[in-house]
Amino acid sequence: MAGQADTSRRRQRDRGLWWLLGTTLVAWAGSWRIIYLEVTRWHHMNSRLRFTPPPAPPGAPPPHAGLPVIMALTVAGTAPLLTILATTLLVVKSTARSRRKNRSE
């Protein structure tokens, strides 16, 4: 019975890592899609990914980057790191599991 509980916990941890990997990949792709649109369609950013606001009317406060631009840049920077981390953990776990399996045979 103890072996089944360990296997169940291990599978649940692995499921969490797979969920993290899938989420970060979707977030990474989505953030770059938004950045692409910001550069090519909406022209809020230039090709060097710097915020380039439209001209402000006279007397108006200077425009600043909004939440979508800030979040897209933040996610585009952190999602690759989390993707690499989750992939590395899954590979290390898989390698360790196969080594344990080969030793027991």
N, C-alpha and C. Protein backbone atom coordinates (compact mmCIF):
# COMPACT_ATOMS: atom_id res chain seq x y z
N MET A 1 0.81 -1.20 0.00
CA MET A 1 0.00 0.00 0.00
C MET A 1 0.85 1.26 0.00
N ALA A 2 1.97 1.23 0.71
CA ALA A 2 2.82 2.42 0.77
C ALA A 2 3.38 2.74 -0.60
N GLY A 3 3.70 1.72 -1.37
CA GLY A 3 4.23 1.93 -2.72
C GLY A 3 3.22 2.59 -3.63
N GLN A 4 1.96 2.24 -3.46
CA GLN A 4 0.91 2.86 -4.28
C GLN A 4 0.74 4.33 -3.92
N ALA A 5 0.85 4.66 -2.64
CA ALA A 5 0.72 6.06 -2.21
C ALA A 5 1.88 6.88 -2.76
N ASP A 6 3.09 6.34 -2.74
CA ASP A 6 4.24 7.06 -3.30
C ASP A 6 4.06 7.28 -4.79
N THR A 7 3.59 6.26 -5.49
CA THR A 7 3.37 6.38 -6.93
C THR A 7 2.31 7.43 -7.23
N SER A 8 1.25 7.45 -6.42
CA SER A 8 0.18 8.42 -6.62
C SER A 8 0.69 9.84 -6.41
N ARG A 9 1.48 10.06 -5.35
CA ARG A 9 2.04 11.39 -5.09
C ARG A 9 3.00 11.81 -6.21
N ARG A 10 3.80 10.87 -6.67
CA ARG A 10 4.76 11.16 -7.74
C ARG A 10 4.03 11.55 -9.02
N ARG A 11 2.97 10.82 -9.34
CA ARG A 11 2.19 11.14 -10.54
C ARG A 11 1.55 12.52 -10.42
N GLN A 12 1.09 12.85 -9.22
CA GLN A 12 0.46 14.15 -9.03
C GLN A 12 1.49 15.27 -9.19
N ARG A 13 2.71 15.08 -8.68
CA ARG A 13 3.76 16.07 -8.86
C ARG A 13 4.12 16.21 -10.33
N ASP A 14 4.21 15.07 -11.02
CA ASP A 14 4.52 15.11 -12.45
C ASP A 14 3.41 15.82 -13.22
N ARG A 15 2.17 15.58 -12.84
CA ARG A 15 1.04 16.25 -13.48
C ARG A 15 1.15 17.76 -13.30
N GLY A 16 1.57 18.18 -12.12
CA GLY A 16 1.77 19.61 -11.86
C GLY A 16 2.86 20.20 -12.74
N LEU A 17 3.95 19.45 -12.94
CA LEU A 17 5.02 19.94 -13.81
C LEU A 17 4.56 20.01 -15.26
N TRP A 18 3.78 19.01 -15.69
CA TRP A 18 3.26 19.04 -17.06
C TRP A 18 2.30 20.21 -17.24
N TRP A 19 1.50 20.47 -16.21
CA TRP A 19 0.57 21.61 -16.26
C TRP A 19 1.36 22.91 -16.34
N LEU A 20 2.42 23.04 -15.53
CA LEU A 20 3.26 24.24 -15.56
C LEU A 20 3.91 24.41 -16.93
N LEU A 21 4.41 23.32 -17.51
CA LEU A 21 5.04 23.39 -18.82
C LEU A 21 4.03 23.85 -19.88
N GLY A 22 2.85 23.26 -19.89
CA GLY A 22 1.83 23.65 -20.87
C GLY A 22 1.39 25.10 -20.71
N THR A 23 1.20 25.52 -19.47
CA THR A 23 0.78 26.89 -19.21
C THR A 23 1.84 27.89 -19.65
N THR A 24 3.10 27.61 -19.34
CA THR A 24 4.15 28.54 -19.72
C THR A 24 4.33 28.60 -21.24
N LEU A 25 4.16 27.47 -21.91
CA LEU A 25 4.27 27.49 -23.37
C LEU A 25 3.15 28.31 -24.00
N VAL A 26 1.94 28.16 -23.49
CA VAL A 26 0.81 28.94 -24.01
C VAL A 26 1.01 30.42 -23.70
N ALA A 27 1.46 30.74 -22.49
CA ALA A 27 1.70 32.14 -22.12
C ALA A 27 2.81 32.74 -22.97
N TRP A 28 3.85 31.96 -23.23
CA TRP A 28 4.97 32.43 -24.05
C TRP A 28 4.48 32.76 -25.46
N ALA A 29 3.76 31.84 -26.06
CA ALA A 29 3.25 32.08 -27.41
C ALA A 29 2.26 33.24 -27.44
N GLY A 30 1.39 33.32 -26.46
CA GLY A 30 0.42 34.41 -26.41
C GLY A 30 1.06 35.77 -26.23
N SER A 31 2.08 35.83 -25.39
CA SER A 31 2.74 37.12 -25.16
C SER A 31 3.46 37.59 -26.42
N TRP A 32 4.08 36.66 -27.13
CA TRP A 32 4.76 37.08 -28.37
C TRP A 32 3.76 37.44 -29.46
N ARG A 33 2.59 36.85 -29.43
CA ARG A 33 1.54 37.24 -30.37
C ARG A 33 1.09 38.68 -30.08
N ILE A 34 0.92 39.01 -28.81
CA ILE A 34 0.53 40.37 -28.44
C ILE A 34 1.63 41.35 -28.80
N ILE A 35 2.89 40.99 -28.56
CA ILE A 35 3.99 41.87 -28.91
C ILE A 35 4.04 42.07 -30.43
N TYR A 36 3.82 41.01 -31.18
CA TYR A 36 3.79 41.12 -32.64
C TYR A 36 2.71 42.11 -33.07
N LEU A 37 1.52 42.00 -32.48
CA LEU A 37 0.44 42.93 -32.82
C LEU A 37 0.76 44.36 -32.39
N GLU A 38 1.39 44.51 -31.23
CA GLU A 38 1.76 45.85 -30.76
C GLU A 38 2.73 46.51 -31.74
N VAL A 39 3.65 45.73 -32.30
CA VAL A 39 4.66 46.28 -33.21
C VAL A 39 4.08 46.52 -34.60
N THR A 40 3.36 45.55 -35.14
CA THR A 40 2.96 45.62 -36.55
C THR A 40 1.61 46.28 -36.79
N ARG A 41 0.65 46.05 -35.92
CA ARG A 41 -0.69 46.56 -36.19
C ARG A 41 -1.00 47.83 -35.40
N TRP A 42 -0.74 47.77 -34.09
CA TRP A 42 -1.15 48.89 -33.25
C TRP A 42 -0.07 49.96 -33.14
N HIS A 43 1.16 49.62 -33.46
CA HIS A 43 2.30 50.55 -33.46
C HIS A 43 2.52 51.23 -32.11
N HIS A 44 2.28 50.50 -31.03
CA HIS A 44 2.57 51.03 -29.70
C HIS A 44 4.01 50.74 -29.30
N MET A 45 4.66 49.84 -30.04
CA MET A 45 6.06 49.49 -29.77
C MET A 45 6.81 49.51 -31.10
N ASN A 46 8.12 49.80 -31.01
CA ASN A 46 8.91 49.76 -32.23
C ASN A 46 9.56 48.38 -32.37
N SER A 47 10.34 48.18 -33.39
CA SER A 47 10.93 46.86 -33.63
C SER A 47 11.95 46.47 -32.58
N ARG A 48 12.40 47.41 -31.77
CA ARG A 48 13.33 47.10 -30.67
C ARG A 48 12.58 46.88 -29.35
N LEU A 49 11.28 46.74 -29.45
CA LEU A 49 10.38 46.47 -28.32
C LEU A 49 10.37 47.60 -27.29
N ARG A 50 10.50 48.82 -27.76
CA ARG A 50 10.38 49.98 -26.90
C ARG A 50 9.01 50.62 -27.12
N PHE A 51 8.44 51.11 -26.05
CA PHE A 51 7.12 51.74 -26.13
C PHE A 51 7.24 53.05 -26.91
N THR A 52 6.45 53.18 -27.96
CA THR A 52 6.40 54.41 -28.77
C THR A 52 4.95 54.88 -28.80
N PRO A 53 4.62 55.81 -27.92
CA PRO A 53 3.22 56.24 -27.82
C PRO A 53 2.80 57.09 -29.00
N PRO A 54 1.50 57.12 -29.28
CA PRO A 54 1.00 58.04 -30.30
C PRO A 54 1.14 59.47 -29.78
N PRO A 55 1.13 60.44 -30.68
CA PRO A 55 1.27 61.83 -30.22
C PRO A 55 0.11 62.20 -29.29
N ALA A 56 0.48 62.87 -28.20
CA ALA A 56 -0.53 63.29 -27.22
C ALA A 56 -1.09 64.65 -27.63
N PRO A 57 -2.37 64.88 -27.35
CA PRO A 57 -2.94 66.20 -27.62
C PRO A 57 -2.26 67.26 -26.75
N PRO A 58 -2.23 68.49 -27.20
CA PRO A 58 -1.60 69.55 -26.40
C PRO A 58 -2.24 69.67 -25.02
N GLY A 59 -1.41 69.78 -24.02
CA GLY A 59 -1.90 69.93 -22.65
C GLY A 59 -2.22 68.62 -21.95
N ALA A 60 -2.19 67.51 -22.64
CA ALA A 60 -2.49 66.21 -22.03
C ALA A 60 -1.22 65.65 -21.38
N PRO A 61 -1.38 64.83 -20.36
CA PRO A 61 -0.19 64.23 -19.76
C PRO A 61 0.48 63.29 -20.77
N PRO A 62 1.78 63.09 -20.61
CA PRO A 62 2.48 62.20 -21.55
C PRO A 62 1.97 60.77 -21.43
N PRO A 63 1.77 60.08 -22.54
CA PRO A 63 1.28 58.71 -22.47
C PRO A 63 2.36 57.77 -21.93
N HIS A 64 1.90 56.70 -21.31
CA HIS A 64 2.82 55.68 -20.79
C HIS A 64 2.28 54.30 -21.17
N ALA A 65 3.14 53.31 -21.07
CA ALA A 65 2.74 51.96 -21.43
C ALA A 65 1.66 51.46 -20.49
N GLY A 66 0.65 50.83 -21.06
CA GLY A 66 -0.45 50.31 -20.27
C GLY A 66 -0.18 48.89 -19.81
N LEU A 67 -1.13 48.34 -19.10
CA LEU A 67 -0.99 47.00 -18.53
C LEU A 67 -0.77 45.92 -19.59
N PRO A 68 -1.46 45.94 -20.74
CA PRO A 68 -1.20 44.90 -21.73
C PRO A 68 0.24 44.89 -22.23
N VAL A 69 0.81 46.05 -22.46
CA VAL A 69 2.20 46.12 -22.94
C VAL A 69 3.15 45.64 -21.84
N ILE A 70 2.94 46.11 -20.63
CA ILE A 70 3.81 45.72 -19.52
C ILE A 70 3.72 44.22 -19.26
N MET A 71 2.50 43.67 -19.24
CA MET A 71 2.34 42.24 -18.99
C MET A 71 2.92 41.40 -20.13
N ALA A 72 2.73 41.83 -21.36
CA ALA A 72 3.26 41.08 -22.49
C ALA A 72 4.79 41.01 -22.41
N LEU A 73 5.42 42.12 -22.08
CA LEU A 73 6.87 42.12 -21.96
C LEU A 73 7.34 41.29 -20.78
N THR A 74 6.62 41.36 -19.67
CA THR A 74 6.99 40.57 -18.49
C THR A 74 6.85 39.08 -18.76
N VAL A 75 5.73 38.69 -19.34
CA VAL A 75 5.50 37.27 -19.63
C VAL A 75 6.48 36.77 -20.69
N ALA A 76 6.75 37.60 -21.70
CA ALA A 76 7.69 37.20 -22.75
C ALA A 76 9.09 37.00 -22.17
N GLY A 77 9.41 37.67 -21.08
CA GLY A 77 10.72 37.50 -20.45
C GLY A 77 10.79 36.35 -19.48
N THR A 78 9.70 36.09 -18.74
CA THR A 78 9.74 35.05 -17.71
C THR A 78 9.28 33.68 -18.20
N ALA A 79 8.39 33.63 -19.18
CA ALA A 79 7.87 32.34 -19.64
C ALA A 79 8.96 31.42 -20.20
N PRO A 80 9.93 31.93 -20.97
CA PRO A 80 10.98 31.02 -21.44
C PRO A 80 11.78 30.40 -20.29
N LEU A 81 12.05 31.19 -19.25
CA LEU A 81 12.79 30.66 -18.10
C LEU A 81 12.01 29.56 -17.39
N LEU A 82 10.71 29.79 -17.19
CA LEU A 82 9.88 28.78 -16.53
C LEU A 82 9.72 27.54 -17.41
N THR A 83 9.66 27.73 -18.72
CA THR A 83 9.56 26.59 -19.64
C THR A 83 10.81 25.73 -19.55
N ILE A 84 11.96 26.38 -19.55
CA ILE A 84 13.23 25.64 -19.45
C ILE A 84 13.32 24.93 -18.10
N LEU A 85 12.90 25.59 -17.04
CA LEU A 85 12.94 24.98 -15.71
C LEU A 85 12.03 23.75 -15.64
N ALA A 86 10.80 23.88 -16.09
CA ALA A 86 9.86 22.75 -16.04
C ALA A 86 10.35 21.60 -16.91
N THR A 87 10.87 21.90 -18.10
CA THR A 87 11.38 20.86 -18.99
C THR A 87 12.56 20.15 -18.35
N THR A 88 13.47 20.91 -17.75
CA THR A 88 14.64 20.32 -17.10
C THR A 88 14.22 19.41 -15.95
N LEU A 89 13.28 19.87 -15.14
CA LEU A 89 12.82 19.03 -14.02
C LEU A 89 12.17 17.74 -14.52
N LEU A 90 11.37 17.83 -15.57
CA LEU A 90 10.74 16.62 -16.12
C LEU A 90 11.77 15.66 -16.69
N VAL A 91 12.78 16.17 -17.37
CA VAL A 91 13.82 15.31 -17.93
C VAL A 91 14.64 14.66 -16.82
N VAL A 92 15.00 15.43 -15.79
CA VAL A 92 15.78 14.87 -14.68
C VAL A 92 14.97 13.79 -13.97
N LYS A 93 13.70 14.05 -13.72
CA LYS A 93 12.86 13.05 -13.07
C LYS A 93 12.73 11.79 -13.92
N SER A 94 12.55 11.96 -15.21
CA SER A 94 12.41 10.82 -16.10
C SER A 94 13.70 10.01 -16.14
N THR A 95 14.83 10.69 -16.20
CA THR A 95 16.12 10.00 -16.22
C THR A 95 16.34 9.25 -14.91
N ALA A 96 16.04 9.89 -13.79
CA ALA A 96 16.21 9.22 -12.50
C ALA A 96 15.28 8.02 -12.38
N ARG A 97 14.06 8.16 -12.87
CA ARG A 97 13.11 7.05 -12.79
C ARG A 97 13.58 5.87 -13.64
N SER A 98 14.09 6.15 -14.83
CA SER A 98 14.55 5.05 -15.70
C SER A 98 15.81 4.40 -15.12
N ARG A 99 16.66 5.17 -14.46
CA ARG A 99 17.85 4.58 -13.82
C ARG A 99 17.43 3.65 -12.68
N ARG A 100 16.45 4.10 -11.87
CA ARG A 100 15.97 3.25 -10.79
C ARG A 100 15.35 1.98 -11.33
N LYS A 101 14.63 2.10 -12.43
CA LYS A 101 13.98 0.95 -13.02
C LYS A 101 15.04 -0.04 -13.55
N ASN A 102 16.08 0.48 -14.19
CA ASN A 102 17.13 -0.38 -14.73
C ASN A 102 17.92 -1.08 -13.61
N ARG A 103 18.10 -0.42 -12.47
CA ARG A 103 18.81 -1.04 -11.35
C ARG A 103 18.02 -2.18 -10.74
N SER A 104 16.70 -2.02 -10.70
CA SER A 104 15.86 -3.05 -10.06
C SER A 104 15.70 -4.28 -10.94
N GLU A 105 15.99 -4.17 -12.22
CA GLU A 105 15.82 -5.32 -13.12
C GLU A 105 16.97 -6.25 -13.08
